[in-house]
């Protein structure tokens, strides 16, 4: 006696719900992928925001150092607004807030000026530390610090080192 196989009769065995299970598994895999993508986008957005704040802090600190380097080597006459070394680079520690247009944070700038001590001589340079602090959206503290030494030499003479002296021939 011959038994009928599913292929010999042309009918497949009854499979109910297999397609539904495959669809649910595919939906679950897609949902995990979407959740991972949303997490990645949130991380990228936060990283971009922190990078923007860091670049703004760098710009603020560099602008402050550049303004300190722009002194003139002459004493200020009474009432003059011309910058000079002794007035603008007075040994001190200052702090102020800096707001950025279209920004989402407030920066606190601290400048500390200290003399470079030459024993028995007037200080010819001062060290300047500019520190910029801020809080990002997550409430984490951000901090950037630039340090520099500013010489007493007038900035007008900064290119003098590149000028070669004239050659004077022997007669």
N, C-alpha and C. Protein backbone atom coordinates (compact mmCIF):
# COMPACT_ATOMS: atom_id res chain seq x y z
N UNK A 1 0.82 -1.16 0.00
CA UNK A 1 0.00 0.00 0.00
C UNK A 1 0.88 1.24 0.00
N UNK A 2 0.46 2.14 -0.78
CA UNK A 2 1.21 3.37 -0.97
C UNK A 2 0.60 4.48 -0.14
N UNK A 3 1.48 5.17 0.60
CA UNK A 3 1.00 6.33 1.36
C UNK A 3 1.17 7.58 0.52
N UNK A 4 0.24 8.45 0.65
CA UNK A 4 0.29 9.71 -0.10
C UNK A 4 1.22 10.70 0.62
N UNK A 5 2.10 11.28 -0.12
CA UNK A 5 2.98 12.34 0.42
C UNK A 5 2.41 13.69 0.00
N UNK A 6 2.78 14.72 0.67
CA UNK A 6 2.21 16.02 0.31
C UNK A 6 2.56 16.42 -1.11
N UNK A 7 3.70 15.97 -1.60
CA UNK A 7 4.09 16.38 -2.94
C UNK A 7 3.39 15.56 -4.01
N UNK A 8 3.03 14.38 -3.68
CA UNK A 8 2.36 13.54 -4.68
C UNK A 8 0.91 13.96 -4.88
N UNK A 9 0.29 14.54 -3.88
CA UNK A 9 -1.10 14.95 -4.03
C UNK A 9 -1.22 16.37 -4.55
N UNK A 10 -0.10 17.12 -4.53
CA UNK A 10 -0.15 18.50 -5.01
C UNK A 10 -0.60 19.47 -3.94
N UNK A 11 -0.86 18.99 -2.74
CA UNK A 11 -1.27 19.88 -1.65
C UNK A 11 -0.14 19.98 -0.63
N UNK A 12 0.01 21.18 -0.08
CA UNK A 12 1.00 21.38 0.97
C UNK A 12 0.34 21.16 2.31
N UNK A 13 1.10 20.74 3.32
CA UNK A 13 0.50 20.60 4.64
C UNK A 13 0.05 21.96 5.14
N UNK A 14 -0.89 21.98 6.02
CA UNK A 14 -1.47 23.23 6.49
C UNK A 14 -0.49 23.95 7.42
N UNK A 15 -0.13 25.19 7.06
CA UNK A 15 0.76 26.02 7.86
C UNK A 15 0.04 27.33 8.13
N UNK A 16 -0.49 27.41 9.28
CA UNK A 16 -1.22 28.63 9.63
C UNK A 16 -0.37 29.46 10.60
N UNK A 17 -0.29 30.78 10.38
CA UNK A 17 0.35 31.70 11.29
C UNK A 17 1.85 31.87 11.10
N UNK A 18 2.47 31.11 10.21
CA UNK A 18 3.91 31.24 10.01
C UNK A 18 4.24 32.61 9.42
N UNK A 19 3.46 33.08 8.49
CA UNK A 19 3.69 34.38 7.87
C UNK A 19 3.52 35.49 8.90
N UNK A 20 2.56 35.33 9.79
CA UNK A 20 2.35 36.33 10.84
C UNK A 20 3.56 36.39 11.78
N UNK A 21 4.12 35.26 12.14
CA UNK A 21 5.30 35.23 13.02
C UNK A 21 6.49 35.87 12.31
N UNK A 22 6.68 35.58 11.03
CA UNK A 22 7.77 36.19 10.27
C UNK A 22 7.62 37.71 10.21
N UNK A 23 6.40 38.18 10.03
CA UNK A 23 6.15 39.62 9.99
C UNK A 23 6.43 40.27 11.34
N UNK A 24 6.06 39.61 12.44
CA UNK A 24 6.32 40.16 13.77
C UNK A 24 7.82 40.20 14.07
N UNK A 25 8.56 39.18 13.66
CA UNK A 25 10.01 39.18 13.85
C UNK A 25 10.65 40.30 13.04
N UNK A 26 10.21 40.50 11.80
CA UNK A 26 10.74 41.58 10.98
C UNK A 26 10.42 42.94 11.59
N UNK A 27 9.21 43.10 12.14
CA UNK A 27 8.83 44.35 12.79
C UNK A 27 9.70 44.61 14.02
N UNK A 28 9.99 43.56 14.78
CA UNK A 28 10.82 43.71 15.97
C UNK A 28 12.25 44.12 15.58
N UNK A 29 12.81 43.50 14.55
CA UNK A 29 14.15 43.85 14.09
C UNK A 29 14.19 45.31 13.62
N UNK A 30 13.17 45.72 12.88
CA UNK A 30 13.09 47.11 12.39
C UNK A 30 12.97 48.09 13.56
N UNK A 31 12.18 47.74 14.57
CA UNK A 31 12.01 48.66 15.70
C UNK A 31 13.30 48.81 16.49
N UNK A 32 14.07 47.72 16.68
CA UNK A 32 15.37 47.84 17.34
C UNK A 32 16.31 48.73 16.53
N UNK A 33 16.29 48.60 15.23
CA UNK A 33 17.11 49.44 14.36
C UNK A 33 16.73 50.90 14.46
N UNK A 34 15.43 51.18 14.51
CA UNK A 34 14.98 52.58 14.63
C UNK A 34 15.36 53.18 15.98
N UNK A 35 15.24 52.41 17.04
CA UNK A 35 15.62 52.91 18.37
C UNK A 35 17.12 53.21 18.39
N UNK A 36 17.93 52.34 17.80
CA UNK A 36 19.37 52.59 17.74
C UNK A 36 19.68 53.83 16.92
N UNK A 37 18.96 54.04 15.83
CA UNK A 37 19.16 55.22 14.98
C UNK A 37 18.80 56.51 15.72
N UNK A 38 17.71 56.49 16.46
CA UNK A 38 17.31 57.67 17.24
C UNK A 38 18.36 57.97 18.31
N UNK A 39 18.89 56.94 18.96
CA UNK A 39 19.95 57.14 19.95
C UNK A 39 21.22 57.72 19.32
N UNK A 40 21.56 57.25 18.13
CA UNK A 40 22.72 57.78 17.42
C UNK A 40 22.53 59.25 17.07
N UNK A 41 21.34 59.59 16.58
CA UNK A 41 21.06 60.99 16.22
C UNK A 41 21.11 61.89 17.45
N UNK A 42 20.61 61.43 18.58
CA UNK A 42 20.67 62.23 19.81
C UNK A 42 22.11 62.44 20.25
N UNK A 43 22.93 61.40 20.14
CA UNK A 43 24.34 61.53 20.50
C UNK A 43 25.07 62.48 19.56
N UNK A 44 24.78 62.40 18.27
CA UNK A 44 25.39 63.31 17.31
C UNK A 44 24.97 64.76 17.56
N UNK A 45 23.72 64.98 17.88
CA UNK A 45 23.23 66.34 18.15
C UNK A 45 23.92 66.91 19.38
N UNK A 46 24.05 66.12 20.43
CA UNK A 46 24.71 66.59 21.65
C UNK A 46 26.19 66.85 21.39
N UNK A 47 26.82 65.97 20.64
CA UNK A 47 28.24 66.17 20.30
C UNK A 47 28.45 67.43 19.48
N UNK A 48 27.55 67.70 18.55
CA UNK A 48 27.63 68.94 17.77
C UNK A 48 27.44 70.17 18.62
N UNK A 49 26.53 70.09 19.58
CA UNK A 49 26.28 71.21 20.48
C UNK A 49 27.50 71.49 21.36
N UNK A 50 28.12 70.44 21.88
CA UNK A 50 29.32 70.61 22.71
C UNK A 50 30.47 71.16 21.88
N UNK A 51 30.60 70.69 20.63
CA UNK A 51 31.67 71.21 19.76
C UNK A 51 31.46 72.69 19.46
N UNK A 52 30.22 73.10 19.26
CA UNK A 52 29.93 74.51 19.02
C UNK A 52 30.29 75.34 20.25
N UNK A 53 29.93 74.87 21.43
CA UNK A 53 30.26 75.60 22.65
C UNK A 53 31.77 75.68 22.86
N UNK A 54 32.47 74.60 22.56
CA UNK A 54 33.92 74.60 22.71
C UNK A 54 34.58 75.57 21.74
N UNK A 55 34.09 75.62 20.50
CA UNK A 55 34.67 76.55 19.53
C UNK A 55 34.36 78.00 19.89
N UNK A 56 33.17 78.26 20.44
CA UNK A 56 32.84 79.62 20.90
C UNK A 56 33.73 80.02 22.07
N UNK A 57 33.98 79.09 22.99
CA UNK A 57 34.86 79.37 24.12
C UNK A 57 36.28 79.67 23.63
N UNK A 58 36.75 78.93 22.65
CA UNK A 58 38.08 79.17 22.08
C UNK A 58 38.13 80.54 21.41
N UNK A 59 37.08 80.91 20.68
CA UNK A 59 37.03 82.21 20.02
C UNK A 59 37.07 83.34 21.05
N UNK A 60 36.30 83.20 22.13
CA UNK A 60 36.27 84.23 23.18
C UNK A 60 37.65 84.37 23.83
N UNK A 61 38.29 83.26 24.16
CA UNK A 61 39.61 83.30 24.81
C UNK A 61 40.66 83.89 23.88
N UNK A 62 40.65 83.50 22.61
CA UNK A 62 41.61 84.04 21.66
C UNK A 62 41.39 85.53 21.43
N UNK A 63 40.14 85.97 21.39
CA UNK A 63 39.86 87.40 21.21
C UNK A 63 40.36 88.20 22.41
N UNK A 64 40.22 87.66 23.62
CA UNK A 64 40.71 88.36 24.80
C UNK A 64 42.24 88.46 24.77
N UNK A 65 42.92 87.37 24.43
CA UNK A 65 44.38 87.42 24.34
C UNK A 65 44.83 88.39 23.24
N UNK A 66 44.13 88.40 22.11
CA UNK A 66 44.50 89.32 21.03
C UNK A 66 44.31 90.77 21.45
N UNK A 67 43.27 91.06 22.21
CA UNK A 67 43.07 92.44 22.67
C UNK A 67 44.16 92.85 23.65
N UNK A 68 44.68 91.91 24.43
CA UNK A 68 45.76 92.23 25.36
C UNK A 68 47.09 92.43 24.63
N UNK A 69 47.28 91.74 23.52
CA UNK A 69 48.52 91.88 22.76
C UNK A 69 48.58 93.19 21.96
N UNK A 70 47.46 93.90 21.84
CA UNK A 70 47.39 95.10 20.99
C UNK A 70 47.80 96.37 21.71
N UNK A 71 48.47 96.28 22.85
CA UNK A 71 48.85 97.49 23.58
C UNK A 71 49.89 98.28 22.79
N UNK A 72 50.00 99.58 23.10
CA UNK A 72 51.06 100.42 22.55
C UNK A 72 52.08 100.63 23.67
N UNK A 73 53.33 100.80 23.31
CA UNK A 73 54.39 100.86 24.31
C UNK A 73 54.54 102.25 24.93
N UNK A 74 53.61 103.14 24.67
CA UNK A 74 53.69 104.50 25.20
C UNK A 74 52.79 104.62 26.41
N UNK A 75 53.16 105.49 27.32
CA UNK A 75 52.31 105.77 28.48
C UNK A 75 51.07 106.51 28.02
N UNK A 76 49.97 106.28 28.71
CA UNK A 76 48.73 106.99 28.37
C UNK A 76 48.76 108.41 28.93
N UNK A 77 48.52 109.38 28.07
CA UNK A 77 48.31 110.72 28.62
C UNK A 77 46.97 110.73 29.34
N UNK A 78 46.76 111.69 30.20
CA UNK A 78 45.50 111.76 30.95
C UNK A 78 44.33 111.83 29.99
N UNK A 79 43.35 110.95 30.19
CA UNK A 79 42.14 110.94 29.38
C UNK A 79 42.27 110.22 28.06
N UNK A 80 43.44 109.70 27.72
CA UNK A 80 43.63 109.02 26.45
C UNK A 80 43.06 107.61 26.51
N UNK A 81 42.58 107.13 25.38
CA UNK A 81 42.07 105.75 25.31
C UNK A 81 43.06 104.83 24.62
N UNK A 82 44.25 105.33 24.31
CA UNK A 82 45.27 104.50 23.67
C UNK A 82 45.74 103.44 24.66
N UNK A 83 45.72 102.18 24.28
CA UNK A 83 46.13 101.14 25.22
C UNK A 83 47.64 101.13 25.45
N UNK A 84 48.06 100.73 26.63
CA UNK A 84 49.49 100.55 26.88
C UNK A 84 49.69 99.35 27.80
N UNK A 85 50.93 98.94 27.91
CA UNK A 85 51.29 97.71 28.62
C UNK A 85 50.95 97.78 30.10
N UNK A 86 51.35 98.86 30.76
CA UNK A 86 51.18 98.94 32.21
C UNK A 86 49.72 99.05 32.63
N UNK A 87 48.91 99.72 31.81
CA UNK A 87 47.50 99.90 32.17
C UNK A 87 46.68 98.67 31.82
N UNK A 88 46.85 98.17 30.60
CA UNK A 88 46.01 97.06 30.15
C UNK A 88 46.44 95.72 30.72
N UNK A 89 47.70 95.58 31.04
CA UNK A 89 48.19 94.32 31.59
C UNK A 89 48.57 94.48 33.06
N UNK A 90 47.76 95.21 33.78
CA UNK A 90 48.00 95.35 35.21
C UNK A 90 47.87 93.98 35.86
N UNK A 91 48.73 93.71 36.82
CA UNK A 91 48.70 92.42 37.52
C UNK A 91 47.38 92.34 38.28
N UNK A 92 46.55 91.40 37.87
CA UNK A 92 45.22 91.31 38.47
C UNK A 92 44.57 90.00 38.09
N UNK A 93 43.37 89.83 38.60
CA UNK A 93 42.51 88.70 38.21
C UNK A 93 41.11 89.25 38.01
N UNK A 94 40.60 89.15 36.80
CA UNK A 94 39.29 89.68 36.44
C UNK A 94 38.38 88.54 36.00
N UNK A 95 37.09 88.71 36.21
CA UNK A 95 36.11 87.72 35.74
C UNK A 95 34.89 88.46 35.23
N UNK A 96 34.30 87.96 34.14
CA UNK A 96 33.08 88.53 33.59
C UNK A 96 32.35 87.48 32.78
N UNK A 97 31.08 87.75 32.47
CA UNK A 97 30.27 86.83 31.66
C UNK A 97 30.25 87.32 30.23
N UNK A 98 30.26 86.37 29.31
CA UNK A 98 30.20 86.68 27.88
C UNK A 98 29.05 85.90 27.28
N UNK A 99 28.09 86.60 26.71
CA UNK A 99 26.97 85.94 26.03
C UNK A 99 27.24 85.94 24.53
N UNK A 100 26.84 84.87 23.86
CA UNK A 100 27.05 84.72 22.43
C UNK A 100 25.71 84.81 21.74
N UNK A 101 25.63 85.60 20.66
CA UNK A 101 24.39 85.69 19.90
C UNK A 101 24.06 84.32 19.31
N UNK A 102 22.80 83.96 19.33
CA UNK A 102 22.32 82.66 18.83
C UNK A 102 22.95 81.49 19.58
N UNK A 103 23.35 81.72 20.80
CA UNK A 103 23.95 80.65 21.60
C UNK A 103 22.97 80.18 22.66
N UNK A 104 23.27 79.02 23.22
CA UNK A 104 22.39 78.47 24.24
C UNK A 104 23.08 78.38 25.60
N UNK A 105 24.16 79.13 25.76
CA UNK A 105 24.88 79.08 27.03
C UNK A 105 25.53 80.42 27.32
N UNK A 106 25.90 80.61 28.55
CA UNK A 106 26.63 81.81 28.96
C UNK A 106 28.02 81.38 29.41
N UNK A 107 29.02 82.07 28.92
CA UNK A 107 30.40 81.75 29.24
C UNK A 107 30.90 82.68 30.33
N UNK A 108 31.67 82.15 31.26
CA UNK A 108 32.32 82.95 32.29
C UNK A 108 33.81 83.00 31.97
N UNK A 109 34.32 84.21 31.75
CA UNK A 109 35.71 84.40 31.36
C UNK A 109 36.48 84.92 32.57
N UNK A 110 37.60 84.28 32.87
CA UNK A 110 38.47 84.71 33.96
C UNK A 110 39.86 84.94 33.39
N UNK A 111 40.41 86.13 33.65
CA UNK A 111 41.75 86.46 33.17
C UNK A 111 42.65 86.70 34.38
N UNK A 112 43.80 86.03 34.39
CA UNK A 112 44.77 86.22 35.47
C UNK A 112 46.10 86.65 34.86
N UNK A 113 46.60 87.80 35.31
CA UNK A 113 47.86 88.35 34.81
C UNK A 113 48.87 88.34 35.95
N UNK A 114 50.03 87.73 35.70
CA UNK A 114 51.10 87.70 36.70
C UNK A 114 52.42 88.09 36.03
N UNK A 115 53.29 88.79 36.75
CA UNK A 115 54.56 89.20 36.13
C UNK A 115 55.54 88.03 36.06
N UNK A 116 56.38 88.08 35.02
CA UNK A 116 57.51 87.17 34.94
C UNK A 116 58.64 87.88 35.67
N UNK A 117 59.10 87.30 36.74
CA UNK A 117 60.05 87.98 37.62
C UNK A 117 61.48 87.79 37.11
N UNK A 118 62.13 88.92 36.86
CA UNK A 118 63.57 88.95 36.60
C UNK A 118 64.21 89.54 37.85
N UNK A 119 65.09 88.81 38.47
CA UNK A 119 65.67 89.27 39.73
C UNK A 119 66.44 90.57 39.49
N UNK A 120 66.08 91.61 40.25
CA UNK A 120 66.78 92.88 40.18
C UNK A 120 66.42 93.74 38.98
N UNK A 121 65.43 93.38 38.22
CA UNK A 121 65.05 94.17 37.05
C UNK A 121 63.54 94.31 36.99
N UNK A 122 63.12 95.27 36.21
CA UNK A 122 61.68 95.45 36.01
C UNK A 122 61.18 94.30 35.13
N UNK A 123 60.03 93.74 35.44
CA UNK A 123 59.52 92.64 34.61
C UNK A 123 59.30 93.09 33.16
N UNK A 124 59.84 92.33 32.23
CA UNK A 124 59.70 92.66 30.82
C UNK A 124 58.63 91.82 30.13
N UNK A 125 57.97 90.98 30.89
CA UNK A 125 56.91 90.15 30.32
C UNK A 125 55.93 89.79 31.43
N UNK A 126 54.74 89.46 31.02
CA UNK A 126 53.72 89.01 31.97
C UNK A 126 53.05 87.77 31.39
N UNK A 127 52.73 86.83 32.28
CA UNK A 127 51.98 85.66 31.83
C UNK A 127 50.49 85.96 31.99
N UNK A 128 49.73 85.52 31.02
CA UNK A 128 48.29 85.74 31.02
C UNK A 128 47.61 84.38 30.88
N UNK A 129 46.73 84.07 31.81
CA UNK A 129 45.91 82.86 31.74
C UNK A 129 44.47 83.29 31.55
N UNK A 130 43.87 82.86 30.44
CA UNK A 130 42.46 83.15 30.17
C UNK A 130 41.71 81.83 30.28
N UNK A 131 40.75 81.76 31.20
CA UNK A 131 39.96 80.55 31.42
C UNK A 131 38.51 80.86 31.09
N UNK A 132 37.89 80.00 30.29
CA UNK A 132 36.48 80.15 29.93
C UNK A 132 35.74 78.93 30.46
N UNK A 133 34.72 79.18 31.29
CA UNK A 133 33.89 78.11 31.87
C UNK A 133 32.46 78.25 31.35
N UNK A 134 31.76 77.11 31.21
CA UNK A 134 30.36 77.12 30.82
C UNK A 134 29.70 75.81 31.23
N UNK A 135 28.38 75.82 31.28
CA UNK A 135 27.59 74.61 31.51
C UNK A 135 26.89 74.25 30.21
N UNK A 136 26.99 72.98 29.79
CA UNK A 136 26.28 72.58 28.57
C UNK A 136 24.84 72.19 28.91
N UNK A 137 24.10 71.74 27.90
CA UNK A 137 22.68 71.42 28.09
C UNK A 137 22.46 70.29 29.09
N UNK A 138 23.43 69.39 29.17
CA UNK A 138 23.29 68.27 30.11
C UNK A 138 23.71 68.66 31.52
N UNK A 139 24.13 69.91 31.71
CA UNK A 139 24.55 70.36 33.02
C UNK A 139 25.99 70.01 33.36
N UNK A 140 26.76 69.55 32.38
CA UNK A 140 28.16 69.22 32.62
C UNK A 140 29.02 70.46 32.44
N UNK A 141 30.04 70.57 33.28
CA UNK A 141 30.93 71.73 33.27
C UNK A 141 31.91 71.62 32.11
N UNK A 142 32.02 72.69 31.32
CA UNK A 142 33.02 72.78 30.26
C UNK A 142 34.06 73.81 30.66
N UNK A 143 35.31 73.57 30.31
CA UNK A 143 36.37 74.49 30.70
C UNK A 143 37.44 74.50 29.63
N UNK A 144 37.91 75.71 29.29
CA UNK A 144 38.98 75.87 28.32
C UNK A 144 39.95 76.90 28.89
N UNK A 145 41.24 76.63 28.78
CA UNK A 145 42.23 77.55 29.33
C UNK A 145 43.33 77.79 28.31
N UNK A 146 43.62 79.07 28.06
CA UNK A 146 44.72 79.46 27.20
C UNK A 146 45.72 80.24 28.05
N UNK A 147 46.98 79.92 27.89
CA UNK A 147 48.05 80.62 28.61
C UNK A 147 49.02 81.20 27.59
N UNK A 148 49.54 82.37 27.90
CA UNK A 148 50.47 83.02 27.00
C UNK A 148 51.38 83.94 27.79
N UNK A 149 52.48 84.31 27.18
CA UNK A 149 53.38 85.30 27.74
C UNK A 149 53.35 86.50 26.81
N UNK A 150 53.11 87.67 27.37
CA UNK A 150 53.05 88.89 26.57
C UNK A 150 54.24 89.75 26.96
N UNK A 151 55.05 90.07 25.96
CA UNK A 151 56.26 90.85 26.19
C UNK A 151 55.92 92.33 26.29
N UNK A 152 56.84 93.07 26.86
CA UNK A 152 56.66 94.51 26.98
C UNK A 152 56.93 95.21 25.65
N UNK A 153 57.48 94.53 24.68
CA UNK A 153 57.83 95.11 23.39
C UNK A 153 56.58 95.54 22.64
N UNK A 154 56.66 96.71 22.01
CA UNK A 154 55.55 97.24 21.23
C UNK A 154 55.24 96.29 20.08
N UNK A 155 53.96 95.96 19.85
CA UNK A 155 53.61 95.06 18.75
C UNK A 155 54.02 95.58 17.38
N UNK A 156 54.27 96.89 17.25
CA UNK A 156 54.71 97.44 15.97
C UNK A 156 56.07 96.88 15.57
N UNK A 157 56.84 96.43 16.55
CA UNK A 157 58.17 95.89 16.27
C UNK A 157 58.17 94.37 16.11
N UNK A 158 57.01 93.75 16.05
CA UNK A 158 56.95 92.29 15.98
C UNK A 158 57.53 91.74 14.69
N UNK A 159 57.50 92.51 13.62
CA UNK A 159 58.07 92.04 12.36
C UNK A 159 59.54 92.35 12.21
N UNK A 160 60.13 93.05 13.17
CA UNK A 160 61.53 93.46 13.06
C UNK A 160 62.48 92.28 13.02
N UNK A 161 62.12 91.17 13.61
CA UNK A 161 63.01 90.01 13.61
C UNK A 161 63.15 89.42 12.21
N UNK A 162 62.19 89.67 11.34
CA UNK A 162 62.24 89.10 9.99
C UNK A 162 63.00 89.99 9.02
N UNK A 163 63.33 91.20 9.42
CA UNK A 163 64.04 92.13 8.53
C UNK A 163 65.53 91.87 8.64
N UNK A 164 66.16 91.69 7.49
CA UNK A 164 67.61 91.47 7.50
C UNK A 164 68.30 92.83 7.55
N UNK A 165 69.37 92.92 8.30
CA UNK A 165 70.08 94.20 8.36
C UNK A 165 70.76 94.49 7.02
N UNK A 166 70.93 95.75 6.71
CA UNK A 166 71.59 96.07 5.43
C UNK A 166 73.05 95.63 5.45
N UNK A 167 73.52 95.21 4.30
CA UNK A 167 74.91 94.78 4.18
C UNK A 167 75.76 96.01 3.89
N UNK A 168 76.69 96.24 4.74
CA UNK A 168 77.58 97.38 4.55
C UNK A 168 78.92 96.82 4.09
N UNK A 169 79.31 97.23 2.90
CA UNK A 169 80.57 96.73 2.35
C UNK A 169 81.78 97.41 2.97
N UNK A 170 82.90 96.73 2.90
CA UNK A 170 84.15 97.30 3.39
C UNK A 170 84.75 98.18 2.32
N UNK A 171 85.35 99.31 2.72
CA UNK A 171 85.98 100.19 1.74
C UNK A 171 87.45 100.16 1.89
